Amino acid sequence: MVVDDVDITLAAPSTAIELRKRFGMSFQEGALFDSMTVFDNVAFPLVRHASLDADGIAGRVRQCLALVRLEGIEGKYPAELSGGMRRRVGFARAIALQPEILLFDEPTTGLDPINTAAIANVINRMRRELTVTAVTITHDMGLAFRIADRLAMIRRGVIVGLGTPEEFRSNPDPYIQAFLRGDVPEDEEASL
């Protein structure tokens, strides 16, 4: 992965650490700490990496939760939240340190259409209000078309399609068209 002309996989450890601080990561299904409250989950990176006092941390946690539309749930535990709410708490934790780049790993897996739409709205809101670069890994093409400025499809480790949503929809590549229709490409059926 290359960030600002630096290959992060080949960089010196100190350089890689500094580059990684520019990223916020939202893991699939939130990856929250079950034994911690929502407040403590969002505050976790702040306690470890920010120079804020308790009031500063509390204020930042409230800001992050407000951005993902989860005001007032700081005292709840992950088990008390719906799947969509857990994902949004994960988003709040990902933005706590004010990253420049947000990575979302399958943010809507297992969610119903209403929660999927809510997640798309939150991602678009974060992109707008935080002016960050957002990279989303997803198999959900509805989500991809709803949030993306540019799409890339990877097949067997190679980018086979790249472009705006409109360019992607009209890409004549048979694999891409089969994927968009939800069909099994002929050359893939035997390998499934």
Protein backbone atom coordinates (compact mmCIF):
# COMPACT_ATOMS: atom_id res chain seq x y z
CA MET A 1 0.00 0.00 0.00
CA VAL A 2 1.42 3.37 -1.04
CA VAL A 3 0.52 6.51 0.94
CA ASP A 4 1.98 9.85 -0.19
CA ASP A 5 4.55 8.04 -2.33
CA VAL A 6 5.70 5.84 0.58
CA ASP A 7 5.18 2.09 0.38
CA ILE A 8 3.96 1.41 3.89
CA THR A 9 4.89 -2.28 3.60
CA LEU A 10 8.53 -1.42 2.90
CA ALA A 11 8.87 1.64 5.15
CA ALA A 12 11.07 1.77 8.21
CA PRO A 13 9.08 0.89 11.35
CA SER A 14 9.08 4.48 12.63
CA THR A 15 7.81 5.77 9.26
CA ALA A 16 5.15 3.06 9.06
CA ILE A 17 3.92 3.90 12.56
CA GLU A 18 3.57 7.58 11.68
CA LEU A 19 1.70 6.73 8.46
CA ARG A 20 -0.65 4.37 10.28
CA LYS A 21 -1.64 7.17 12.65
CA ARG A 22 -3.29 8.85 9.67
CA PHE A 23 -5.73 5.93 9.30
CA GLY A 24 -8.95 5.09 11.09
CA MET A 25 -10.16 1.51 10.76
CA SER A 26 -13.69 0.24 11.16
CA PHE A 27 -13.63 -3.52 11.39
CA GLN A 28 -16.33 -5.88 10.18
CA GLU A 29 -19.18 -5.99 12.71
CA GLY A 30 -17.58 -3.22 14.80
CA ALA A 31 -15.03 -5.36 16.71
CA LEU A 32 -15.96 -3.65 19.96
CA PHE A 33 -14.66 -4.66 23.37
CA ASP A 34 -17.64 -6.44 24.97
CA SER A 35 -16.54 -5.69 28.54
CA MET A 36 -16.33 -1.94 27.88
CA THR A 37 -19.12 0.62 27.60
CA VAL A 38 -19.71 2.52 24.39
CA PHE A 39 -17.93 5.49 25.99
CA ASP A 40 -14.86 3.39 26.83
CA ASN A 41 -14.80 1.78 23.38
CA VAL A 42 -14.77 5.16 21.62
CA ALA A 43 -12.36 6.64 24.18
CA PHE A 44 -9.91 3.72 23.87
CA PRO A 45 -7.68 5.22 21.13
CA LEU A 46 -7.86 8.65 22.77
CA VAL A 47 -6.63 7.32 26.13
CA ARG A 48 -3.76 5.51 24.42
CA HIS A 49 -2.69 8.07 21.81
CA ALA A 50 -4.08 11.56 22.49
CA SER A 51 -2.88 14.22 24.90
CA LEU A 52 -6.32 15.05 26.29
CA ASP A 53 -7.54 15.33 29.85
CA ALA A 54 -10.71 13.54 31.00
CA ASP A 55 -12.95 16.42 29.92
CA GLY A 56 -11.28 16.57 26.51
CA ILE A 57 -11.76 12.84 26.01
CA ALA A 58 -15.41 13.03 27.10
CA GLY A 59 -16.04 15.91 24.70
CA ARG A 60 -14.40 14.11 21.80
CA VAL A 61 -16.37 10.91 22.51
CA ARG A 62 -19.62 12.92 22.48
CA GLN A 63 -18.63 14.58 19.17
CA CYS A 64 -17.87 11.24 17.54
CA LEU A 65 -21.10 9.64 18.74
CA ALA A 66 -23.11 12.66 17.57
CA LEU A 67 -21.57 12.40 14.11
CA VAL A 68 -22.76 8.79 13.81
CA ARG A 69 -26.18 9.69 15.32
CA LEU A 70 -25.75 7.83 18.61
CA GLU A 71 -26.07 10.55 21.21
CA GLY A 72 -26.84 9.42 24.75
CA ILE A 73 -25.75 5.78 24.62
CA GLU A 74 -22.32 6.18 26.24
CA GLY A 75 -23.21 3.97 29.23
CA LYS A 76 -24.51 1.01 27.21
CA TYR A 77 -22.52 -2.14 26.46
CA PRO A 78 -22.15 -3.64 22.96
CA ALA A 79 -24.51 -6.53 23.83
CA GLU A 80 -27.27 -3.97 24.42
CA LEU A 81 -26.98 -2.55 20.89
CA SER A 82 -28.35 -3.60 17.52
CA GLY A 83 -25.93 -4.69 14.80
CA GLY A 84 -26.22 -1.34 13.02
CA MET A 85 -25.56 0.55 16.25
CA ARG A 86 -22.46 -1.55 16.97
CA ARG A 87 -21.13 -0.71 13.50
CA ARG A 88 -21.70 2.99 14.11
CA VAL A 89 -19.91 2.81 17.48
CA GLY A 90 -17.03 1.23 15.56
CA PHE A 91 -17.15 4.19 13.16
CA ALA A 92 -17.07 6.61 16.10
CA ARG A 93 -13.99 4.86 17.49
CA ALA A 94 -12.37 4.95 14.03
CA ILE A 95 -12.72 8.75 13.80
CA ALA A 96 -11.76 9.51 17.41
CA LEU A 97 -8.16 10.41 16.52
CA GLN A 98 -9.29 12.51 13.52
CA PRO A 99 -7.71 10.40 10.77
CA GLU A 100 -7.22 11.54 7.20
CA ILE A 101 -8.11 8.15 5.75
CA LEU A 102 -10.95 5.88 6.90
CA LEU A 103 -10.99 2.18 6.08
CA PHE A 104 -14.30 0.29 6.30
CA ASP A 105 -14.25 -3.50 6.15
CA GLU A 106 -17.62 -4.88 5.01
CA PRO A 107 -19.61 -2.30 6.99
CA THR A 108 -23.03 -3.76 6.14
CA THR A 109 -22.49 -7.52 6.30
CA GLY A 110 -25.49 -9.18 7.91
CA LEU A 111 -27.55 -6.00 8.19
CA ASP A 112 -31.10 -5.58 6.94
CA PRO A 113 -31.84 -3.08 4.13
CA ILE A 114 -32.91 -0.30 6.52
CA ASN A 115 -29.73 -0.55 8.62
CA THR A 116 -27.67 -0.83 5.42
CA ALA A 117 -29.20 2.45 4.19
CA ALA A 118 -28.52 4.07 7.59
CA ILE A 119 -24.88 2.95 7.43
CA ALA A 120 -24.55 4.38 3.91
CA ASN A 121 -25.97 7.69 5.13
CA VAL A 122 -23.53 7.78 8.06
CA ILE A 123 -20.54 6.99 5.82
CA ASN A 124 -21.55 9.73 3.40
CA ARG A 125 -22.05 12.16 6.29
CA MET A 126 -18.60 11.37 7.73
CA ARG A 127 -16.98 11.82 4.32
CA ARG A 128 -18.67 15.20 3.90
CA GLU A 129 -18.20 16.60 7.39
CA LEU A 130 -14.73 15.23 8.08
CA THR A 131 -13.37 15.69 4.54
CA VAL A 132 -11.59 12.34 4.71
CA THR A 133 -10.69 9.79 2.12
CA ALA A 134 -12.84 6.71 2.70
CA VAL A 135 -11.94 3.27 1.38
CA THR A 136 -14.65 0.64 1.72
CA ILE A 137 -14.23 -3.06 1.10
CA THR A 138 -17.64 -4.53 0.27
CA HIS A 139 -19.47 -7.15 -1.75
CA ASP A 140 -22.67 -5.11 -1.40
CA MET A 141 -22.91 -3.35 -4.76
CA GLY A 142 -25.95 -1.33 -3.65
CA LEU A 143 -23.85 0.15 -0.86
CA ALA A 144 -20.88 0.66 -3.19
CA PHE A 145 -22.96 2.62 -5.69
CA ARG A 146 -24.52 4.65 -2.90
CA ILE A 147 -21.28 5.81 -1.25
CA ALA A 148 -18.54 5.66 -3.88
CA ASP A 149 -17.05 8.35 -6.07
CA ARG A 150 -14.85 5.67 -7.65
CA LEU A 151 -15.07 1.89 -7.65
CA ALA A 152 -12.47 -0.79 -8.17
CA MET A 153 -13.19 -4.49 -8.57
CA ILE A 154 -10.47 -6.94 -7.68
CA ARG A 155 -10.48 -10.46 -9.10
CA ARG A 156 -7.75 -12.90 -8.12
CA GLY A 157 -5.59 -10.05 -6.83
CA VAL A 158 -5.85 -7.93 -9.98
CA ILE A 159 -7.97 -4.82 -10.52
CA VAL A 160 -10.33 -5.74 -13.37
CA GLY A 161 -12.52 -2.64 -13.26
CA LEU A 162 -11.99 0.94 -12.14
CA GLY A 163 -14.09 4.04 -12.57
CA THR A 164 -17.01 6.13 -11.45
CA PRO A 165 -20.24 4.32 -10.59
CA GLU A 166 -21.61 5.21 -14.04
CA GLU A 167 -18.47 3.93 -15.80
CA PHE A 168 -18.57 0.79 -13.70
CA ARG A 169 -22.21 0.02 -14.54
CA SER A 170 -21.47 0.35 -18.25
CA ASN A 171 -18.16 -1.57 -18.17
CA PRO A 172 -18.48 -4.31 -20.82
CA ASP A 173 -16.27 -6.80 -18.95
CA PRO A 174 -18.33 -10.04 -18.68
CA TYR A 175 -17.13 -10.75 -15.13
CA ILE A 176 -18.12 -7.29 -13.91
CA GLN A 177 -21.52 -7.51 -15.59
CA ALA A 178 -22.12 -10.98 -14.12
CA PHE A 179 -21.15 -9.70 -10.66
CA LEU A 180 -23.52 -6.74 -10.98
CA ARG A 181 -26.37 -9.05 -12.03
CA GLY A 182 -25.54 -11.57 -9.31
CA ASP A 183 -24.85 -14.28 -11.88
CA VAL A 184 -22.12 -16.91 -11.84
CA PRO A 185 -19.65 -16.22 -14.67
CA GLU A 186 -19.19 -19.29 -16.85
CA ASP A 187 -15.45 -19.49 -16.17
CA GLU A 188 -16.07 -19.34 -12.39
CA GLU A 189 -18.74 -22.00 -11.97
CA ALA A 190 -16.33 -24.93 -11.87
CA SER A 191 -14.11 -23.26 -9.25
CA LEU A 192 -16.89 -22.57 -6.74
